[in-house]
Amino acid sequence: MQDFFIQNTTPIVSFLTLVLNIVTVGLLFVLIFPKNKISQKMLTNIGPYLLPASFLVAFGSVLGSLVYSEIIQFEPCLLCWWERIFIYPQLVILAIGLYVKEKSVFLYSLVFALLTILVSGYHTYLQLAGSSSAFCATAVVSCSKVYFLTYGYITIPTMALSVGLFFFVTSLLYKKSVNQNKIC
């Protein structure tokens, strides 16, 4: 059963991470070049969907991490736990934002996104460089342990980094779209 999940889950989750990276780069373009006509039109069109999209990414992240640890039995390292600590609250924050139509949730999301980026960026560096960490020196699972590597760069920490970057960019874009469109 575990092999079935590994063989079927990892390619799907890795592909979704790749798609998330492409979407994030596109959204980053809109953020960096706001005066561009394409960016202005995209911001107008995507603004109302940033909160639901962020919620879906948070939901997928939480679900994915639980599948890997509880069903596939990949034991999380210390840095994986810290990544979860910063990603899991996003699900609750964004759900509240969707329910009460509160635009300030992206301020809280931005803080958690930055913390996620810091931890998962460091964790990604450790894995891709093959280094060990002082944080995980006494841990049961090494932070440099790579359970899988897809597309030459996607590991579990790079998935968390991708999610953190997506939340960071959508938080900043949402602020711009609220100012531009007066949504929510």
C-alpha atoms as a PDB file:
ATOM      1  CA  MET A   1       0.000   0.000   0.000  1.00  0.00           C
ATOM      2  CA  GLN A   2       2.840   2.382   0.880  1.00  0.00           C
ATOM      3  CA  ASP A   3       4.541   1.767  -2.497  1.00  0.00           C
ATOM      4  CA  PHE A   4       1.246   2.428  -4.270  1.00  0.00           C
ATOM      5  CA  PHE A   5       0.978   5.840  -2.625  1.00  0.00           C
ATOM      6  CA  ILE A   6       4.636   6.694  -3.266  1.00  0.00           C
ATOM      7  CA  GLN A   7       4.402   5.761  -6.956  1.00  0.00           C
ATOM      8  CA  ASN A   8       1.108   7.582  -7.499  1.00  0.00           C
ATOM      9  CA  THR A   9       1.267  10.534  -5.133  1.00  0.00           C
ATOM     10  CA  THR A  10       4.770  11.875  -5.744  1.00  0.00           C
ATOM     11  CA  PRO A  11       4.425  12.443  -9.526  1.00  0.00           C
ATOM     12  CA  ILE A  12       1.084  14.220  -9.047  1.00  0.00           C
ATOM     13  CA  VAL A  13       2.250  16.385  -6.148  1.00  0.00           C
ATOM     14  CA  SER A  14       5.517  17.175  -7.938  1.00  0.00           C
ATOM     15  CA  PHE A  15       3.636  18.210 -11.085  1.00  0.00           C
ATOM     16  CA  LEU A  16       1.311  20.410  -9.013  1.00  0.00           C
ATOM     17  CA  THR A  17       4.383  21.998  -7.407  1.00  0.00           C
ATOM     18  CA  LEU A  18       5.821  22.683 -10.859  1.00  0.00           C
ATOM     19  CA  VAL A  19       2.521  24.292 -11.916  1.00  0.00           C
ATOM     20  CA  LEU A  20       2.512  26.344  -8.699  1.00  0.00           C
ATOM     21  CA  ASN A  21       6.044  27.540  -9.499  1.00  0.00           C
ATOM     22  CA  ILE A  22       4.985  28.610 -12.991  1.00  0.00           C
ATOM     23  CA  VAL A  23       1.906  30.421 -11.631  1.00  0.00           C
ATOM     24  CA  THR A  24       4.040  32.130  -8.976  1.00  0.00           C
ATOM     25  CA  VAL A  25       6.496  33.367 -11.615  1.00  0.00           C
ATOM     26  CA  GLY A  26       3.554  34.727 -13.638  1.00  0.00           C
ATOM     27  CA  LEU A  27       2.142  36.476 -10.576  1.00  0.00           C
ATOM     28  CA  LEU A  28       5.601  37.808  -9.772  1.00  0.00           C
ATOM     29  CA  PHE A  29       5.681  39.368 -13.244  1.00  0.00           C
ATOM     30  CA  VAL A  30       2.425  41.171 -12.432  1.00  0.00           C
ATOM     31  CA  LEU A  31       3.889  42.334  -9.134  1.00  0.00           C
ATOM     32  CA  ILE A  32       7.208  43.542 -10.567  1.00  0.00           C
ATOM     33  CA  PHE A  33       5.748  45.257 -13.649  1.00  0.00           C
ATOM     34  CA  PRO A  34       2.485  46.795 -12.378  1.00  0.00           C
ATOM     35  CA  LYS A  35       2.374  49.527 -15.041  1.00  0.00           C
ATOM     36  CA  ASN A  36       2.396  46.987 -17.872  1.00  0.00           C
ATOM     37  CA  LYS A  37      -1.045  46.799 -19.552  1.00  0.00           C
ATOM     38  CA  ILE A  38      -1.045  43.009 -19.332  1.00  0.00           C
ATOM     39  CA  SER A  39      -0.221  43.188 -15.625  1.00  0.00           C
ATOM     40  CA  GLN A  40      -2.982  45.716 -14.955  1.00  0.00           C
ATOM     41  CA  LYS A  41      -5.543  43.595 -16.794  1.00  0.00           C
ATOM     42  CA  MET A  42      -4.375  40.419 -15.032  1.00  0.00           C
ATOM     43  CA  LEU A  43      -4.506  42.111 -11.642  1.00  0.00           C
ATOM     44  CA  THR A  44      -8.064  43.245 -12.308  1.00  0.00           C
ATOM     45  CA  ASN A  45      -9.096  39.746 -13.384  1.00  0.00           C
ATOM     46  CA  ILE A  46      -7.260  37.658 -10.792  1.00  0.00           C
ATOM     47  CA  GLY A  47      -7.712  39.884  -7.742  1.00  0.00           C
ATOM     48  CA  PRO A  48     -10.990  38.326  -6.585  1.00  0.00           C
ATOM     49  CA  TYR A  49      -9.552  34.809  -6.960  1.00  0.00           C
ATOM     50  CA  LEU A  50      -6.351  35.267  -4.953  1.00  0.00           C
ATOM     51  CA  LEU A  51      -7.935  34.409  -1.605  1.00  0.00           C
ATOM     52  CA  PRO A  52      -9.728  31.239  -2.796  1.00  0.00           C
ATOM     53  CA  ALA A  53      -6.621  30.128  -4.719  1.00  0.00           C
ATOM     54  CA  SER A  54      -4.432  30.686  -1.652  1.00  0.00           C
ATOM     55  CA  PHE A  55      -6.881  28.712   0.467  1.00  0.00           C
ATOM     56  CA  LEU A  56      -6.767  25.802  -1.992  1.00  0.00           C
ATOM     57  CA  VAL A  57      -2.954  25.837  -1.981  1.00  0.00           C
ATOM     58  CA  ALA A  58      -2.949  25.842   1.840  1.00  0.00           C
ATOM     59  CA  PHE A  59      -5.448  22.978   1.904  1.00  0.00           C
ATOM     60  CA  GLY A  60      -3.385  20.984  -0.588  1.00  0.00           C
ATOM     61  CA  SER A  61      -0.207  21.651   1.384  1.00  0.00           C
ATOM     62  CA  VAL A  62      -1.675  20.452   4.656  1.00  0.00           C
ATOM     63  CA  LEU A  63      -3.255  17.425   3.002  1.00  0.00           C
ATOM     64  CA  GLY A  64      -0.024  16.583   1.157  1.00  0.00           C
ATOM     65  CA  SER A  65       2.126  16.809   4.265  1.00  0.00           C
ATOM     66  CA  LEU A  66      -0.270  14.554   6.161  1.00  0.00           C
ATOM     67  CA  VAL A  67      -0.331  12.006   3.332  1.00  0.00           C
ATOM     68  CA  TYR A  68       3.469  11.885   3.258  1.00  0.00           C
ATOM     69  CA  SER A  69       3.846  11.517   7.013  1.00  0.00           C
ATOM     70  CA  GLU A  70       0.774   9.494   8.003  1.00  0.00           C
ATOM     71  CA  ILE A  71       0.075   7.279   4.975  1.00  0.00           C
ATOM     72  CA  ILE A  72       3.412   7.006   3.161  1.00  0.00           C
ATOM     73  CA  GLN A  73       5.256   7.082   6.515  1.00  0.00           C
ATOM     74  CA  PHE A  74       7.981   9.591   5.602  1.00  0.00           C
ATOM     75  CA  GLU A  75       9.101  10.733   9.024  1.00  0.00           C
ATOM     76  CA  PRO A  76       9.426  14.537   9.123  1.00  0.00           C
ATOM     77  CA  CYS A  77      12.681  16.055  10.303  1.00  0.00           C
ATOM     78  CA  LEU A  78      12.943  19.020  12.660  1.00  0.00           C
ATOM     79  CA  LEU A  79      12.911  21.594   9.844  1.00  0.00           C
ATOM     80  CA  CYS A  80       9.904  19.846   8.262  1.00  0.00           C
ATOM     81  CA  TRP A  81       8.046  20.378  11.523  1.00  0.00           C
ATOM     82  CA  TRP A  82       8.924  24.075  11.513  1.00  0.00           C
ATOM     83  CA  GLU A  83       7.726  24.358   7.920  1.00  0.00           C
ATOM     84  CA  ARG A  84       4.431  22.787   8.983  1.00  0.00           C
ATOM     85  CA  ILE A  85       4.178  25.158  11.950  1.00  0.00           C
ATOM     86  CA  PHE A  86       4.263  28.088   9.521  1.00  0.00           C
ATOM     87  CA  ILE A  87       2.079  26.559   6.766  1.00  0.00           C
ATOM     88  CA  TYR A  88      -0.733  24.947   8.795  1.00  0.00           C
ATOM     89  CA  PRO A  89      -2.034  28.228  10.297  1.00  0.00           C
ATOM     90  CA  GLN A  90      -2.371  29.575   6.756  1.00  0.00           C
ATOM     91  CA  LEU A  91      -5.259  27.153   6.195  1.00  0.00           C
ATOM     92  CA  VAL A  92      -7.156  28.534   9.182  1.00  0.00           C
ATOM     93  CA  ILE A  93      -6.287  32.170   8.448  1.00  0.00           C
ATOM     94  CA  LEU A  94      -7.340  31.920   4.804  1.00  0.00           C
ATOM     95  CA  ALA A  95     -10.509  29.981   5.661  1.00  0.00           C
ATOM     96  CA  ILE A  96     -11.505  32.743   8.076  1.00  0.00           C
ATOM     97  CA  GLY A  97     -10.723  35.310   5.396  1.00  0.00           C
ATOM     98  CA  LEU A  98     -12.965  33.497   2.929  1.00  0.00           C
ATOM     99  CA  TYR A  99     -15.783  33.136   5.430  1.00  0.00           C
ATOM    100  CA  VAL A 100     -15.865  36.686   6.775  1.00  0.00           C
ATOM    101  CA  LYS A 101     -14.572  38.354   3.577  1.00  0.00           C
ATOM    102  CA  GLU A 102     -11.757  39.934   5.551  1.00  0.00           C
ATOM    103  CA  LYS A 103      -8.979  41.407   3.431  1.00  0.00           C
ATOM    104  CA  SER A 104      -6.515  41.842   6.301  1.00  0.00           C
ATOM    105  CA  VAL A 105      -5.879  38.068   6.422  1.00  0.00           C
ATOM    106  CA  PHE A 106      -3.203  38.550   3.799  1.00  0.00           C
ATOM    107  CA  LEU A 107      -1.170  40.603   6.268  1.00  0.00           C
ATOM    108  CA  TYR A 108      -1.036  37.588   8.598  1.00  0.00           C
ATOM    109  CA  SER A 109      -0.454  35.292   5.653  1.00  0.00           C
ATOM    110  CA  LEU A 110       2.493  37.439   4.593  1.00  0.00           C
ATOM    111  CA  VAL A 111       4.197  36.974   7.969  1.00  0.00           C
ATOM    112  CA  PHE A 112       3.773  33.193   7.902  1.00  0.00           C
ATOM    113  CA  ALA A 113       4.898  33.128   4.253  1.00  0.00           C
ATOM    114  CA  LEU A 114       8.153  34.897   5.117  1.00  0.00           C
ATOM    115  CA  LEU A 115       8.834  32.478   7.963  1.00  0.00           C
ATOM    116  CA  THR A 116       8.068  29.531   5.673  1.00  0.00           C
ATOM    117  CA  ILE A 117      10.437  30.905   3.018  1.00  0.00           C
ATOM    118  CA  LEU A 118      13.258  31.313   5.553  1.00  0.00           C
ATOM    119  CA  VAL A 119      12.982  27.805   6.989  1.00  0.00           C
ATOM    120  CA  SER A 120      12.229  25.948   3.761  1.00  0.00           C
ATOM    121  CA  GLY A 121      14.852  27.931   1.841  1.00  0.00           C
ATOM    122  CA  TYR A 122      17.474  26.863   4.356  1.00  0.00           C
ATOM    123  CA  HIS A 123      16.135  23.293   4.337  1.00  0.00           C
ATOM    124  CA  THR A 124      16.206  23.198   0.527  1.00  0.00           C
ATOM    125  CA  TYR A 125      19.799  24.424   0.589  1.00  0.00           C
ATOM    126  CA  LEU A 126      20.746  21.665   3.053  1.00  0.00           C
ATOM    127  CA  GLN A 127      19.183  18.973   0.885  1.00  0.00           C
ATOM    128  CA  LEU A 128      20.410  20.130  -2.498  1.00  0.00           C
ATOM    129  CA  ALA A 129      23.917  20.838  -1.176  1.00  0.00           C
ATOM    130  CA  GLY A 130      24.001  17.547   0.738  1.00  0.00           C
ATOM    131  CA  SER A 131      24.964  19.376   3.939  1.00  0.00           C
ATOM    132  CA  SER A 132      24.073  18.538   7.494  1.00  0.00           C
ATOM    133  CA  SER A 133      22.563  20.981   9.946  1.00  0.00           C
ATOM    134  CA  ALA A 134      23.237  21.835  13.551  1.00  0.00           C
ATOM    135  CA  PHE A 135      19.443  21.965  13.989  1.00  0.00           C
ATOM    136  CA  CYS A 136      19.095  18.293  13.139  1.00  0.00           C
ATOM    137  CA  ALA A 137      22.278  16.979  14.733  1.00  0.00           C
ATOM    138  CA  THR A 138      20.418  15.161  17.490  1.00  0.00           C
ATOM    139  CA  ALA A 139      17.215  14.467  15.548  1.00  0.00           C
ATOM    140  CA  VAL A 140      16.079  10.996  14.558  1.00  0.00           C
ATOM    141  CA  VAL A 141      15.686  12.010  10.882  1.00  0.00           C
ATOM    142  CA  SER A 142      18.396  14.027   9.155  1.00  0.00           C
ATOM    143  CA  CYS A 143      17.279  17.295   7.588  1.00  0.00           C
ATOM    144  CA  SER A 144      19.439  16.493   4.558  1.00  0.00           C
ATOM    145  CA  LYS A 145      17.587  13.208   3.882  1.00  0.00           C
ATOM    146  CA  VAL A 146      15.981  13.349   0.427  1.00  0.00           C
ATOM    147  CA  TYR A 147      12.935  11.097   0.129  1.00  0.00           C
ATOM    148  CA  PHE A 148      12.532  11.884  -3.572  1.00  0.00           C
ATOM    149  CA  LEU A 149      13.857  14.279  -6.199  1.00  0.00           C
ATOM    150  CA  THR A 150      11.640  15.145  -9.163  1.00  0.00           C
ATOM    151  CA  TYR A 151      12.324  17.391 -12.150  1.00  0.00           C
ATOM    152  CA  GLY A 152      15.843  17.811 -10.833  1.00  0.00           C
ATOM    153  CA  TYR A 153      14.873  20.108  -7.955  1.00  0.00           C
ATOM    154  CA  ILE A 154      11.553  19.217  -6.310  1.00  0.00           C
ATOM    155  CA  THR A 155      11.877  17.686  -2.854  1.00  0.00           C
ATOM    156  CA  ILE A 156       9.595  18.050   0.143  1.00  0.00           C
ATOM    157  CA  PRO A 157      11.339  21.256   1.342  1.00  0.00           C
ATOM    158  CA  THR A 158      11.166  22.783  -2.155  1.00  0.00           C
ATOM    159  CA  MET A 159       7.436  22.084  -2.100  1.00  0.00           C
ATOM    160  CA  ALA A 160       7.191  24.066   1.137  1.00  0.00           C
ATOM    161  CA  LEU A 161       9.375  26.809  -0.367  1.00  0.00           C
ATOM    162  CA  SER A 162       7.097  26.949  -3.413  1.00  0.00           C
ATOM    163  CA  VAL A 163       4.052  27.308  -1.185  1.00  0.00           C
ATOM    164  CA  GLY A 164       5.727  30.027   0.896  1.00  0.00           C
ATOM    165  CA  LEU A 165       6.694  31.983  -2.221  1.00  0.00           C
ATOM    166  CA  PHE A 166       3.171  31.641  -3.612  1.00  0.00           C
ATOM    167  CA  PHE A 167       1.665  32.970  -0.369  1.00  0.00           C
ATOM    168  CA  PHE A 168       4.178  35.819  -0.310  1.00  0.00           C
ATOM    169  CA  VAL A 169       3.422  36.905  -3.874  1.00  0.00           C
ATOM    170  CA  THR A 170      -0.365  36.518  -3.539  1.00  0.00           C
ATOM    171  CA  SER A 171      -0.334  38.498  -0.292  1.00  0.00           C
ATOM    172  CA  LEU A 172       1.404  41.409  -1.983  1.00  0.00           C
ATOM    173  CA  LEU A 173      -0.785  41.138  -5.089  1.00  0.00           C
ATOM    174  CA  TYR A 174      -3.950  41.012  -3.029  1.00  0.00           C
ATOM    175  CA  LYS A 175      -2.989  44.281  -1.364  1.00  0.00           C
ATOM    176  CA  LYS A 176      -2.457  45.847  -4.805  1.00  0.00           C
ATOM    177  CA  SER A 177      -5.722  44.463  -6.171  1.00  0.00           C
ATOM    178  CA  VAL A 178      -7.672  45.712  -3.156  1.00  0.00           C
ATOM    179  CA  ASN A 179      -6.237  49.193  -3.678  1.00  0.00           C
ATOM    180  CA  GLN A 180      -6.870  49.063  -7.423  1.00  0.00           C
ATOM    181  CA  ASN A 181     -10.301  47.399  -7.494  1.00  0.00           C
ATOM    182  CA  LYS A 182     -11.653  47.986  -4.021  1.00  0.00           C
ATOM    183  CA  ILE A 183     -12.549  44.285  -3.754  1.00  0.00           C
ATOM    184  CA  CYS A 184     -13.843  42.682  -0.562  1.00  0.00           C
END
